[in-house]
Amino acid sequence: MNKTTEKELNQLIEAIISERSLQLSSTNYSFNSLVTEQILIKEKDKYLILDYSKIASLFIEKYKDKFGISLHKRFIENISFIEKITKDFKQNEFIPDFHKLAKELWKIIIIESNKKLSYDFKDFISSLDKQIDNYTFIEAYSDSLQELELTPKIFITNALRILDFLQNDGVQYFLFNRIKERCRIDFEYGIKLFEIALVI
């Protein structure tokens, strides 16, 4: 990322948080570099976010600074952080496309919790019926499967628990696709998953 793009990205995040909006007026801001990089798209008099994955990391870092929060070893505390961001940003109002940003925030927390704290999500997934934002978590977790460092047994246990919990065929299909993609990328890991699945 060049310096101009990096500067515009910082300005974008500050504007988003300040205005509590994911759509910004093109008369008040200029983000030509972000449009070129296909992070934003300009439609009529608005900038719309094209790739939420490119802004989520900086967005969450800004909120870590704002709240003085760092990644917690208890995953439930990291969930509280996401909820705190949501409450502060939305202010009980409907914000178009916020669910797209929320999914990317969840993915960051999920991947960081796994890689930095070796969290395997088994306890959390086992208590999904007691949690609030189940489907956003499940979608983000499924989308992160290629990057998560889980033993094959935990991988299968978590997947089966999610499938048992879900009542939505579309989300089940999404999870199956992500599992298939993980197996395609890492064939040996896929074989281990298959072997464990046979004896469960």
N, C-alpha and C. Protein backbone atom coordinates (compact mmCIF):
# COMPACT_ATOMS: atom_id res chain seq x y z
N MET A 1 0.84 -1.19 0.00
CA MET A 1 0.00 0.00 0.00
C MET A 1 0.89 1.25 0.00
N ASN A 2 0.69 2.14 -0.98
CA ASN A 2 1.51 3.34 -1.05
C ASN A 2 1.07 4.37 -0.01
N LYS A 3 1.88 5.41 0.17
CA LYS A 3 1.63 6.38 1.23
C LYS A 3 0.33 7.15 1.02
N THR A 4 0.01 7.44 -0.23
CA THR A 4 -1.23 8.17 -0.52
C THR A 4 -2.44 7.33 -0.12
N THR A 5 -2.42 6.05 -0.50
CA THR A 5 -3.52 5.15 -0.16
C THR A 5 -3.62 4.99 1.36
N GLU A 6 -2.47 4.83 2.00
CA GLU A 6 -2.45 4.67 3.46
C GLU A 6 -3.03 5.91 4.15
N LYS A 7 -2.67 7.08 3.66
CA LYS A 7 -3.17 8.33 4.22
C LYS A 7 -4.68 8.44 4.03
N GLU A 8 -5.14 8.13 2.82
CA GLU A 8 -6.58 8.20 2.55
C GLU A 8 -7.35 7.18 3.39
N LEU A 9 -6.75 6.01 3.61
CA LEU A 9 -7.42 4.98 4.40
C LEU A 9 -7.60 5.45 5.84
N ASN A 10 -6.59 6.09 6.38
CA ASN A 10 -6.71 6.66 7.74
C ASN A 10 -7.78 7.73 7.78
N GLN A 11 -7.82 8.58 6.75
CA GLN A 11 -8.83 9.64 6.69
C GLN A 11 -10.23 9.02 6.57
N LEU A 12 -10.33 7.96 5.80
CA LEU A 12 -11.61 7.28 5.62
C LEU A 12 -12.13 6.73 6.95
N ILE A 13 -11.27 6.03 7.67
CA ILE A 13 -11.69 5.43 8.95
C ILE A 13 -12.09 6.50 9.94
N GLU A 14 -11.32 7.57 10.01
CA GLU A 14 -11.66 8.67 10.92
C GLU A 14 -13.00 9.29 10.55
N ALA A 15 -13.25 9.45 9.25
CA ALA A 15 -14.52 10.02 8.79
C ALA A 15 -15.68 9.08 9.09
N ILE A 16 -15.49 7.80 8.87
CA ILE A 16 -16.53 6.80 9.14
C ILE A 16 -16.92 6.82 10.61
N ILE A 17 -15.91 6.82 11.48
CA ILE A 17 -16.18 6.81 12.92
C ILE A 17 -16.80 8.12 13.37
N SER A 18 -16.31 9.23 12.83
CA SER A 18 -16.82 10.54 13.20
C SER A 18 -18.27 10.73 12.76
N GLU A 19 -18.57 10.31 11.55
CA GLU A 19 -19.92 10.51 11.01
C GLU A 19 -20.86 9.34 11.31
N ARG A 20 -20.27 8.26 11.83
CA ARG A 20 -21.05 7.03 12.09
C ARG A 20 -21.86 6.63 10.85
N SER A 21 -21.15 6.57 9.75
CA SER A 21 -21.78 6.20 8.48
C SER A 21 -20.76 5.46 7.61
N LEU A 22 -21.25 4.50 6.85
CA LEU A 22 -20.39 3.76 5.93
C LEU A 22 -20.54 4.27 4.51
N GLN A 23 -21.31 5.35 4.36
CA GLN A 23 -21.46 6.02 3.08
C GLN A 23 -21.11 7.49 3.28
N LEU A 24 -20.10 7.96 2.56
CA LEU A 24 -19.62 9.32 2.76
C LEU A 24 -19.83 10.17 1.51
N SER A 25 -20.13 11.43 1.74
CA SER A 25 -20.39 12.35 0.64
C SER A 25 -19.11 12.64 -0.15
N SER A 26 -19.20 12.54 -1.47
CA SER A 26 -18.03 12.83 -2.31
C SER A 26 -17.78 14.33 -2.44
N THR A 27 -18.71 15.14 -1.96
CA THR A 27 -18.48 16.59 -1.98
C THR A 27 -17.65 17.02 -0.77
N ASN A 28 -17.64 16.21 0.28
CA ASN A 28 -16.89 16.55 1.49
C ASN A 28 -15.52 15.86 1.56
N TYR A 29 -15.37 14.80 0.80
CA TYR A 29 -14.14 14.01 0.88
C TYR A 29 -13.65 13.65 -0.52
N SER A 30 -12.34 13.38 -0.59
CA SER A 30 -11.74 12.92 -1.84
C SER A 30 -10.89 11.69 -1.54
N PHE A 31 -11.30 10.57 -2.13
CA PHE A 31 -10.59 9.31 -1.89
C PHE A 31 -10.25 8.63 -3.22
N ASN A 32 -9.60 9.37 -4.08
CA ASN A 32 -9.30 8.86 -5.43
C ASN A 32 -8.43 7.60 -5.40
N SER A 33 -7.46 7.59 -4.50
CA SER A 33 -6.55 6.45 -4.41
C SER A 33 -7.29 5.19 -3.95
N LEU A 34 -8.23 5.35 -3.02
CA LEU A 34 -8.99 4.21 -2.52
C LEU A 34 -9.95 3.66 -3.58
N VAL A 35 -10.40 4.55 -4.47
CA VAL A 35 -11.23 4.11 -5.60
C VAL A 35 -10.37 3.32 -6.58
N THR A 36 -9.17 3.82 -6.86
CA THR A 36 -8.24 3.13 -7.76
C THR A 36 -7.88 1.75 -7.23
N GLU A 37 -7.71 1.65 -5.90
CA GLU A 37 -7.35 0.38 -5.27
C GLU A 37 -8.56 -0.53 -5.06
N GLN A 38 -9.72 -0.07 -5.51
CA GLN A 38 -10.98 -0.83 -5.41
C GLN A 38 -11.38 -1.15 -3.97
N ILE A 39 -11.04 -0.21 -3.09
CA ILE A 39 -11.51 -0.30 -1.71
C ILE A 39 -12.85 0.42 -1.60
N LEU A 40 -12.97 1.51 -2.35
CA LEU A 40 -14.22 2.27 -2.43
C LEU A 40 -14.71 2.31 -3.87
N ILE A 41 -15.98 2.61 -4.00
CA ILE A 41 -16.56 2.89 -5.32
C ILE A 41 -17.34 4.19 -5.20
N LYS A 42 -17.26 5.01 -6.22
CA LYS A 42 -17.96 6.29 -6.21
C LYS A 42 -19.23 6.17 -7.04
N GLU A 43 -20.37 6.42 -6.37
CA GLU A 43 -21.66 6.38 -7.06
C GLU A 43 -22.38 7.69 -6.82
N LYS A 44 -22.61 8.41 -7.91
CA LYS A 44 -23.25 9.73 -7.84
C LYS A 44 -22.49 10.61 -6.86
N ASP A 45 -23.11 10.97 -5.74
CA ASP A 45 -22.46 11.90 -4.80
C ASP A 45 -21.97 11.19 -3.54
N LYS A 46 -21.79 9.85 -3.61
CA LYS A 46 -21.38 9.10 -2.43
C LYS A 46 -20.21 8.17 -2.71
N TYR A 47 -19.43 7.96 -1.66
CA TYR A 47 -18.43 6.89 -1.68
C TYR A 47 -19.02 5.70 -0.93
N LEU A 48 -19.00 4.55 -1.57
CA LEU A 48 -19.47 3.32 -0.94
C LEU A 48 -18.30 2.37 -0.78
N ILE A 49 -18.31 1.59 0.29
CA ILE A 49 -17.21 0.67 0.55
C ILE A 49 -17.40 -0.59 -0.29
N LEU A 50 -16.36 -0.91 -1.06
CA LEU A 50 -16.40 -2.06 -1.95
C LEU A 50 -15.81 -3.29 -1.28
N ASP A 51 -14.76 -3.09 -0.47
CA ASP A 51 -14.07 -4.21 0.18
C ASP A 51 -13.90 -3.92 1.67
N TYR A 52 -14.79 -4.49 2.46
CA TYR A 52 -14.77 -4.24 3.91
C TYR A 52 -13.56 -4.89 4.59
N SER A 53 -13.01 -5.92 3.97
CA SER A 53 -11.85 -6.58 4.57
C SER A 53 -10.63 -5.65 4.58
N LYS A 54 -10.61 -4.68 3.67
CA LYS A 54 -9.46 -3.77 3.59
C LYS A 54 -9.52 -2.65 4.64
N ILE A 55 -10.70 -2.42 5.21
CA ILE A 55 -10.81 -1.34 6.20
C ILE A 55 -10.98 -1.84 7.63
N ALA A 56 -11.35 -3.11 7.78
CA ALA A 56 -11.73 -3.63 9.11
C ALA A 56 -10.59 -3.60 10.11
N SER A 57 -9.39 -3.95 9.67
CA SER A 57 -8.25 -4.02 10.58
C SER A 57 -7.94 -2.66 11.20
N LEU A 58 -7.88 -1.62 10.36
CA LEU A 58 -7.60 -0.28 10.87
C LEU A 58 -8.77 0.24 11.70
N PHE A 59 -9.98 -0.09 11.29
CA PHE A 59 -11.18 0.30 12.03
C PHE A 59 -11.12 -0.24 13.46
N ILE A 60 -10.78 -1.52 13.60
CA ILE A 60 -10.75 -2.14 14.92
C ILE A 60 -9.59 -1.60 15.76
N GLU A 61 -8.47 -1.25 15.10
CA GLU A 61 -7.34 -0.67 15.82
C GLU A 61 -7.70 0.71 16.38
N LYS A 62 -8.45 1.47 15.60
CA LYS A 62 -8.89 2.80 16.07
C LYS A 62 -9.76 2.65 17.32
N TYR A 63 -10.62 1.63 17.32
CA TYR A 63 -11.49 1.42 18.48
C TYR A 63 -10.73 0.84 19.66
N LYS A 64 -9.69 0.07 19.41
CA LYS A 64 -8.84 -0.41 20.50
C LYS A 64 -8.20 0.79 21.21
N ASP A 65 -7.74 1.75 20.41
CA ASP A 65 -7.16 2.97 20.98
C ASP A 65 -8.22 3.79 21.72
N LYS A 66 -9.39 3.90 21.12
CA LYS A 66 -10.46 4.71 21.70
C LYS A 66 -10.89 4.17 23.06
N PHE A 67 -11.03 2.86 23.17
CA PHE A 67 -11.48 2.25 24.41
C PHE A 67 -10.34 1.80 25.31
N GLY A 68 -9.10 1.89 24.83
CA GLY A 68 -7.96 1.42 25.61
C GLY A 68 -8.03 -0.08 25.86
N ILE A 69 -8.42 -0.82 24.82
CA ILE A 69 -8.63 -2.26 24.93
C ILE A 69 -7.62 -3.02 24.09
N SER A 70 -7.14 -4.14 24.60
CA SER A 70 -6.30 -5.03 23.82
C SER A 70 -6.96 -6.40 23.79
N LEU A 71 -6.43 -7.29 22.98
CA LEU A 71 -6.99 -8.62 22.86
C LEU A 71 -6.95 -9.34 24.20
N HIS A 72 -8.07 -9.93 24.58
CA HIS A 72 -8.19 -10.59 25.88
C HIS A 72 -8.09 -12.10 25.71
N LYS A 73 -7.51 -12.77 26.71
CA LYS A 73 -7.35 -14.22 26.62
C LYS A 73 -8.69 -14.95 26.75
N ARG A 74 -9.70 -14.27 27.31
CA ARG A 74 -11.04 -14.85 27.38
C ARG A 74 -11.84 -14.37 26.16
N PHE A 75 -12.24 -15.31 25.33
CA PHE A 75 -12.91 -14.96 24.07
C PHE A 75 -14.19 -14.17 24.31
N ILE A 76 -14.88 -14.47 25.39
CA ILE A 76 -16.12 -13.77 25.70
C ILE A 76 -15.88 -12.27 25.90
N GLU A 77 -14.69 -11.91 26.38
CA GLU A 77 -14.34 -10.49 26.54
C GLU A 77 -14.12 -9.84 25.17
N ASN A 78 -13.59 -10.59 24.24
CA ASN A 78 -13.39 -10.06 22.89
C ASN A 78 -14.74 -9.86 22.18
N ILE A 79 -15.69 -10.73 22.51
CA ILE A 79 -17.05 -10.56 21.99
C ILE A 79 -17.66 -9.26 22.54
N SER A 80 -17.41 -9.02 23.81
CA SER A 80 -17.91 -7.78 24.43
C SER A 80 -17.34 -6.56 23.74
N PHE A 81 -16.10 -6.67 23.28
CA PHE A 81 -15.46 -5.57 22.56
C PHE A 81 -16.20 -5.30 21.25
N ILE A 82 -16.53 -6.36 20.51
CA ILE A 82 -17.30 -6.20 19.27
C ILE A 82 -18.65 -5.56 19.56
N GLU A 83 -19.29 -6.00 20.62
CA GLU A 83 -20.60 -5.46 20.99
C GLU A 83 -20.48 -3.99 21.37
N LYS A 84 -19.38 -3.64 22.04
CA LYS A 84 -19.15 -2.26 22.45
C LYS A 84 -18.93 -1.36 21.23
N ILE A 85 -18.18 -1.86 20.26
CA ILE A 85 -17.99 -1.13 19.01
C ILE A 85 -19.33 -0.90 18.32
N THR A 86 -20.12 -1.96 18.23
CA THR A 86 -21.43 -1.89 17.57
C THR A 86 -22.32 -0.85 18.23
N LYS A 87 -22.37 -0.89 19.54
CA LYS A 87 -23.23 0.04 20.27
C LYS A 87 -22.76 1.48 20.08
N ASP A 88 -21.45 1.71 20.17
CA ASP A 88 -20.90 3.06 20.03
C ASP A 88 -21.10 3.59 18.61
N PHE A 89 -20.87 2.73 17.62
CA PHE A 89 -20.94 3.18 16.23
C PHE A 89 -22.38 3.38 15.77
N LYS A 90 -23.24 2.44 16.09
CA LYS A 90 -24.62 2.51 15.58
C LYS A 90 -25.51 3.45 16.37
N GLN A 91 -25.24 3.64 17.67
CA GLN A 91 -26.07 4.53 18.50
C GLN A 91 -27.56 4.19 18.36
N ASN A 92 -27.85 2.88 18.34
CA ASN A 92 -29.23 2.39 18.23
C ASN A 92 -29.93 2.77 16.93
N GLU A 93 -29.16 3.12 15.92
CA GLU A 93 -29.74 3.47 14.63
C GLU A 93 -29.39 2.40 13.60
N PHE A 94 -30.20 2.31 12.55
CA PHE A 94 -29.89 1.39 11.46
C PHE A 94 -28.84 2.02 10.55
N ILE A 95 -27.76 1.30 10.31
CA ILE A 95 -26.71 1.79 9.43
C ILE A 95 -26.56 0.80 8.28
N PRO A 96 -26.90 1.23 7.05
CA PRO A 96 -26.82 0.32 5.90
C PRO A 96 -25.45 -0.34 5.78
N ASP A 97 -25.44 -1.63 5.54
CA ASP A 97 -24.23 -2.43 5.30
C ASP A 97 -23.35 -2.65 6.53
N PHE A 98 -23.84 -2.27 7.72
CA PHE A 98 -22.99 -2.48 8.90
C PHE A 98 -22.71 -3.97 9.12
N HIS A 99 -23.65 -4.83 8.74
CA HIS A 99 -23.45 -6.27 8.92
C HIS A 99 -22.22 -6.77 8.16
N LYS A 100 -21.90 -6.13 7.03
CA LYS A 100 -20.72 -6.51 6.26
C LYS A 100 -19.44 -6.16 7.01
N LEU A 101 -19.43 -5.00 7.63
CA LEU A 101 -18.28 -4.60 8.44
C LEU A 101 -18.18 -5.48 9.68
N ALA A 102 -19.33 -5.75 10.31
CA ALA A 102 -19.34 -6.57 11.53
C ALA A 102 -18.74 -7.94 11.28
N LYS A 103 -19.05 -8.53 10.15
CA LYS A 103 -18.50 -9.85 9.81
C LYS A 103 -16.98 -9.79 9.75
N GLU A 104 -16.44 -8.74 9.15
CA GLU A 104 -14.98 -8.61 9.05
C GLU A 104 -14.34 -8.36 10.42
N LEU A 105 -15.04 -7.64 11.28
CA LEU A 105 -14.52 -7.42 12.65
C LEU A 105 -14.47 -8.74 13.40
N TRP A 106 -15.52 -9.54 13.26
CA TRP A 106 -15.55 -10.86 13.88
C TRP A 106 -14.39 -11.71 13.39
N LYS A 107 -14.13 -11.68 12.08
CA LYS A 107 -13.05 -12.48 11.51
C LYS A 107 -11.70 -12.10 12.12
N ILE A 108 -11.49 -10.81 12.31
CA ILE A 108 -10.23 -10.36 12.91
C ILE A 108 -10.09 -10.89 14.33
N ILE A 109 -11.16 -10.75 15.12
CA ILE A 109 -11.13 -11.23 16.50
C ILE A 109 -10.95 -12.75 16.55
N ILE A 110 -11.62 -13.45 15.67
CA ILE A 110 -11.51 -14.91 15.63
C ILE A 110 -10.08 -15.34 15.30
N ILE A 111 -9.52 -14.78 14.25
CA ILE A 111 -8.17 -15.17 13.81
C ILE A 111 -7.12 -14.78 14.84
N GLU A 112 -7.24 -13.57 15.39
CA GLU A 112 -6.28 -13.14 16.41
C GLU A 112 -6.37 -14.00 17.67
N SER A 113 -7.58 -14.32 18.09
CA SER A 113 -7.77 -15.14 19.29
C SER A 113 -7.15 -16.53 19.09
N ASN A 114 -7.26 -17.03 17.89
CA ASN A 114 -6.72 -18.36 17.59
C ASN A 114 -5.19 -18.32 17.48
N LYS A 115 -4.67 -17.41 16.69
CA LYS A 115 -3.24 -17.40 16.41
C LYS A 115 -2.40 -16.84 17.57
N LYS A 116 -2.91 -15.83 18.25
CA LYS A 116 -2.14 -15.19 19.32
C LYS A 116 -2.39 -15.82 20.68
N LEU A 117 -3.59 -16.36 20.87
CA LEU A 117 -3.95 -16.90 22.18
C LEU A 117 -4.25 -18.40 22.15
N SER A 118 -4.10 -19.01 20.99
CA SER A 118 -4.33 -20.46 20.83
C SER A 118 -5.74 -20.88 21.24
N TYR A 119 -6.70 -20.01 21.03
CA TYR A 119 -8.08 -20.33 21.39
C TYR A 119 -8.69 -21.21 20.30
N ASP A 120 -9.39 -22.29 20.71
CA ASP A 120 -9.93 -23.23 19.73
C ASP A 120 -11.45 -23.13 19.55
N PHE A 121 -12.12 -22.26 20.31
CA PHE A 121 -13.55 -21.96 20.16
C PHE A 121 -14.49 -23.08 20.59
N LYS A 122 -13.96 -24.17 21.08
CA LYS A 122 -14.79 -25.32 21.44
C LYS A 122 -15.82 -24.94 22.50
N ASP A 123 -15.39 -24.27 23.56
CA ASP A 123 -16.31 -23.89 24.63
C ASP A 123 -17.38 -22.91 24.14
N PHE A 124 -16.95 -21.94 23.35
CA PHE A 124 -17.90 -20.94 22.85
C PHE A 124 -18.93 -21.57 21.92
N ILE A 125 -18.46 -22.40 21.00
CA ILE A 125 -19.37 -23.03 20.05
C ILE A 125 -20.32 -23.98 20.77
N SER A 126 -19.86 -24.61 21.84
CA SER A 126 -20.72 -25.52 22.61
C SER A 126 -21.85 -24.78 23.30
N SER A 127 -21.70 -23.47 23.49
CA SER A 127 -22.74 -22.68 24.18
C SER A 127 -23.40 -21.68 23.24
N LEU A 128 -23.42 -21.96 21.96
CA LEU A 128 -23.97 -21.03 20.97
C LEU A 128 -25.40 -20.62 21.27
N ASP A 129 -26.20 -21.53 21.82
CA ASP A 129 -27.60 -21.20 22.07
C ASP A 129 -27.75 -20.14 23.17
N LYS A 130 -26.67 -19.85 23.89
CA LYS A 130 -26.72 -18.86 24.96
C LYS A 130 -26.19 -17.49 24.48
N GLN A 131 -25.68 -17.45 23.26
CA GLN A 131 -25.08 -16.23 22.77
C GLN A 131 -26.07 -15.42 21.94
N ILE A 132 -25.65 -14.24 21.53
CA ILE A 132 -26.57 -13.33 20.85
C ILE A 132 -26.39 -13.36 19.32
N ASP A 133 -25.23 -12.95 18.85
CA ASP A 133 -25.02 -12.78 17.41
C ASP A 133 -24.47 -14.05 16.79
N ASN A 134 -25.25 -15.13 16.87
CA ASN A 134 -24.77 -16.44 16.44
C ASN A 134 -24.39 -16.50 14.97
N TYR A 135 -25.23 -15.99 14.11
CA TYR A 135 -25.03 -16.19 12.68
C TYR A 135 -23.88 -15.36 12.13
N THR A 136 -23.68 -14.17 12.66
CA THR A 136 -22.52 -13.39 12.23
C THR A 136 -21.24 -14.08 12.64
N PHE A 137 -21.22 -14.62 13.87
CA PHE A 137 -20.05 -15.37 14.33
C PHE A 137 -19.82 -16.59 13.44
N ILE A 138 -20.87 -17.37 13.19
CA ILE A 138 -20.73 -18.61 12.41
C ILE A 138 -20.23 -18.31 11.00
N GLU A 139 -20.78 -17.27 10.39
CA GLU A 139 -20.34 -16.91 9.04
C GLU A 139 -18.88 -16.49 9.04
N ALA A 140 -18.49 -15.67 10.03
CA ALA A 140 -17.10 -15.21 10.12
C ALA A 140 -16.16 -16.37 10.45
N TYR A 141 -16.59 -17.24 11.37
CA TYR A 141 -15.79 -18.41 11.74
C TYR A 141 -15.58 -19.31 10.52
N SER A 142 -16.65 -19.57 9.77
CA SER A 142 -16.57 -20.41 8.58
C SER A 142 -15.63 -19.79 7.54
N ASP A 143 -15.72 -18.49 7.41
CA ASP A 143 -14.89 -17.76 6.44
C ASP A 143 -13.42 -17.76 6.85
N SER A 144 -13.14 -18.03 8.12
CA SER A 144 -11.77 -17.98 8.64
C SER A 144 -11.12 -19.36 8.72
N LEU A 145 -11.85 -20.41 8.36
CA LEU A 145 -11.38 -21.78 8.57
C LEU A 145 -10.03 -22.07 7.92
N GLN A 146 -9.77 -21.46 6.79
CA GLN A 146 -8.50 -21.72 6.10
C GLN A 146 -7.30 -21.21 6.90
N GLU A 147 -7.53 -20.23 7.76
CA GLU A 147 -6.42 -19.63 8.51
C GLU A 147 -6.30 -20.13 9.94
N LEU A 148 -7.33 -20.79 10.46
CA LEU A 148 -7.32 -21.18 11.87
C LEU A 148 -6.42 -22.39 12.11
N GLU A 149 -5.72 -22.34 13.22
CA GLU A 149 -4.83 -23.44 13.62
C GLU A 149 -5.55 -24.28 14.67
N LEU A 150 -6.25 -25.31 14.17
CA LEU A 150 -7.04 -26.20 15.02
C LEU A 150 -6.61 -27.64 14.76
N THR A 151 -6.62 -28.44 15.82
CA THR A 151 -6.36 -29.86 15.60
C THR A 151 -7.52 -30.42 14.77
N PRO A 152 -7.28 -31.45 13.98
CA PRO A 152 -8.37 -32.03 13.19
C PRO A 152 -9.58 -32.42 14.05
N LYS A 153 -9.33 -32.94 15.24
CA LYS A 153 -10.44 -33.36 16.11
C LYS A 153 -11.29 -32.16 16.54
N ILE A 154 -10.64 -31.06 16.93
CA ILE A 154 -11.37 -29.85 17.32
C ILE A 154 -12.10 -29.28 16.12
N PHE A 155 -11.44 -29.30 14.97
CA PHE A 155 -12.05 -28.79 13.73
C PHE A 155 -13.38 -29.51 13.47
N ILE A 156 -13.35 -30.84 13.53
CA ILE A 156 -14.54 -31.65 13.28
C ILE A 156 -15.59 -31.43 14.36
N THR A 157 -15.16 -31.43 15.63
CA THR A 157 -16.09 -31.23 16.75
C THR A 157 -16.82 -29.91 16.62
N ASN A 158 -16.09 -28.84 16.32
CA ASN A 158 -16.70 -27.52 16.16
C ASN A 158 -17.67 -27.50 14.99
N ALA A 159 -17.26 -28.10 13.87
CA ALA A 159 -18.11 -28.09 12.68
C ALA A 159 -19.41 -28.85 12.93
N LEU A 160 -19.31 -30.00 13.59
CA LEU A 160 -20.52 -30.78 13.87
C LEU A 160 -21.46 -30.05 14.82
N ARG A 161 -20.89 -29.36 15.79
CA ARG A 161 -21.71 -28.60 16.75
C ARG A 161 -22.43 -27.46 16.04
N ILE A 162 -21.74 -26.78 15.13
CA ILE A 162 -22.35 -25.69 14.38
C ILE A 162 -23.47 -26.22 13.49
N LEU A 163 -23.21 -27.32 12.81
CA LEU A 163 -24.23 -27.91 11.93
C LEU A 163 -25.45 -28.37 12.72
N ASP A 164 -25.20 -28.87 13.92
CA ASP A 164 -26.30 -29.29 14.79
C ASP A 164 -27.12 -28.09 15.26
N PHE A 165 -26.44 -26.98 15.47
CA PHE A 165 -27.11 -25.77 15.96
C PHE A 165 -27.91 -25.08 14.86
N LEU A 166 -27.37 -25.09 13.64
CA LEU A 166 -27.97 -24.33 12.55
C LEU A 166 -29.31 -24.90 12.09
N GLN A 167 -30.19 -23.99 11.71
CA GLN A 167 -31.46 -24.37 11.10
C GLN A 167 -31.56 -23.75 9.71
N ASN A 168 -30.49 -23.11 9.28
CA ASN A 168 -30.48 -22.36 8.02
C ASN A 168 -29.67 -23.12 6.97
N ASP A 169 -30.33 -23.64 5.94
CA ASP A 169 -29.65 -24.43 4.92
C ASP A 169 -28.58 -23.63 4.19
N GLY A 170 -28.83 -22.35 3.98
CA GLY A 170 -27.87 -21.50 3.28
C GLY A 170 -26.57 -21.38 4.05
N VAL A 171 -26.67 -21.20 5.37
CA VAL A 171 -25.46 -21.08 6.20
C VAL A 171 -24.75 -22.42 6.29
N GLN A 172 -25.51 -23.52 6.35
CA GLN A 172 -24.91 -24.85 6.35
C GLN A 172 -24.10 -25.08 5.07
N TYR A 173 -24.68 -24.70 3.95
CA TYR A 173 -24.00 -24.84 2.66
C TYR A 173 -22.71 -24.02 2.64
N PHE A 174 -22.78 -22.81 3.20
CA PHE A 174 -21.62 -21.92 3.27
C PHE A 174 -20.50 -22.59 4.09
N LEU A 175 -20.87 -23.18 5.22
CA LEU A 175 -19.89 -23.86 6.08
C LEU A 175 -19.28 -25.06 5.35
N PHE A 176 -20.12 -25.85 4.70
CA PHE A 176 -19.61 -27.01 3.95
C PHE A 176 -18.60 -26.59 2.89
N ASN A 177 -18.88 -25.50 2.20
CA ASN A 177 -17.97 -25.01 1.17
C ASN A 177 -16.62 -24.61 1.75
N ARG A 178 -16.66 -23.97 2.92
CA ARG A 178 -15.40 -23.54 3.55
C ARG A 178 -14.59 -24.75 4.03
N ILE A 179 -15.28 -25.76 4.53
CA ILE A 179 -14.59 -26.99 4.96
C ILE A 179 -13.96 -27.67 3.74
N LYS A 180 -14.70 -27.73 2.64
CA LYS A 180 -14.20 -28.34 1.41
C LYS A 180 -12.97 -27.59 0.89
N GLU A 181 -13.01 -26.26 0.99
CA GLU A 181 -11.89 -25.44 0.53
C GLU A 181 -10.66 -25.68 1.38
N ARG A 182 -10.84 -25.82 2.71
CA ARG A 182 -9.71 -26.11 3.60
C ARG A 182 -9.07 -27.45 3.23
N CYS A 183 -9.90 -28.44 2.95
CA CYS A 183 -9.40 -29.77 2.57
C CYS A 183 -8.68 -29.73 1.23
N ARG A 184 -9.17 -28.92 0.32
CA ARG A 184 -8.55 -28.80 -1.00
C ARG A 184 -7.16 -28.19 -0.89
N ILE A 185 -7.03 -27.17 -0.03
CA ILE A 185 -5.76 -26.47 0.12
C ILE A 185 -4.74 -27.34 0.87
N ASP A 186 -5.21 -28.05 1.90
CA ASP A 186 -4.32 -28.90 2.72
C ASP A 186 -4.84 -30.33 2.68
N PHE A 187 -4.38 -31.09 1.69
CA PHE A 187 -4.91 -32.44 1.45
C PHE A 187 -4.68 -33.36 2.65
N GLU A 188 -3.49 -33.32 3.25
CA GLU A 188 -3.19 -34.19 4.39
C GLU A 188 -4.09 -33.88 5.58
N TYR A 189 -4.34 -32.61 5.81
CA TYR A 189 -5.26 -32.20 6.88
C TYR A 189 -6.66 -32.71 6.59
N GLY A 190 -7.05 -32.65 5.31
CA GLY A 190 -8.36 -33.14 4.90
C GLY A 190 -8.52 -34.63 5.15
N ILE A 191 -7.46 -35.40 4.88
CA ILE A 191 -7.48 -36.84 5.14
C ILE A 191 -7.68 -37.12 6.63
N LYS A 192 -6.99 -36.34 7.49
CA LYS A 192 -7.13 -36.51 8.94
C LYS A 192 -8.56 -36.20 9.38
N LEU A 193 -9.14 -35.16 8.79
CA LEU A 193 -10.54 -34.81 9.11
C LEU A 193 -11.47 -35.96 8.73
N PHE A 194 -11.23 -36.53 7.56
CA PHE A 194 -12.06 -37.64 7.09
C PHE A 194 -11.94 -38.84 8.02
N GLU A 195 -10.72 -39.16 8.44
CA GLU A 195 -10.49 -40.31 9.33
C GLU A 195 -11.20 -40.12 10.67
N ILE A 196 -11.15 -38.90 11.21
CA ILE A 196 -11.80 -38.62 12.50
C ILE A 196 -13.32 -38.66 12.34
N ALA A 197 -13.81 -38.12 11.23
CA ALA A 197 -15.25 -38.10 10.99
C ALA A 197 -15.83 -39.51 10.91
N LEU A 198 -15.05 -40.46 10.46
CA LEU A 198 -15.51 -41.84 10.32
C LEU A 198 -15.76 -42.52 11.66
N VAL A 199 -15.02 -42.07 12.70
CA VAL A 199 -15.13 -42.75 14.00
C VAL A 199 -15.97 -41.98 15.01
N ILE A 200 -16.43 -40.78 14.63
CA ILE A 200 -17.25 -40.00 15.57
C ILE A 200 -18.70 -40.49 15.53
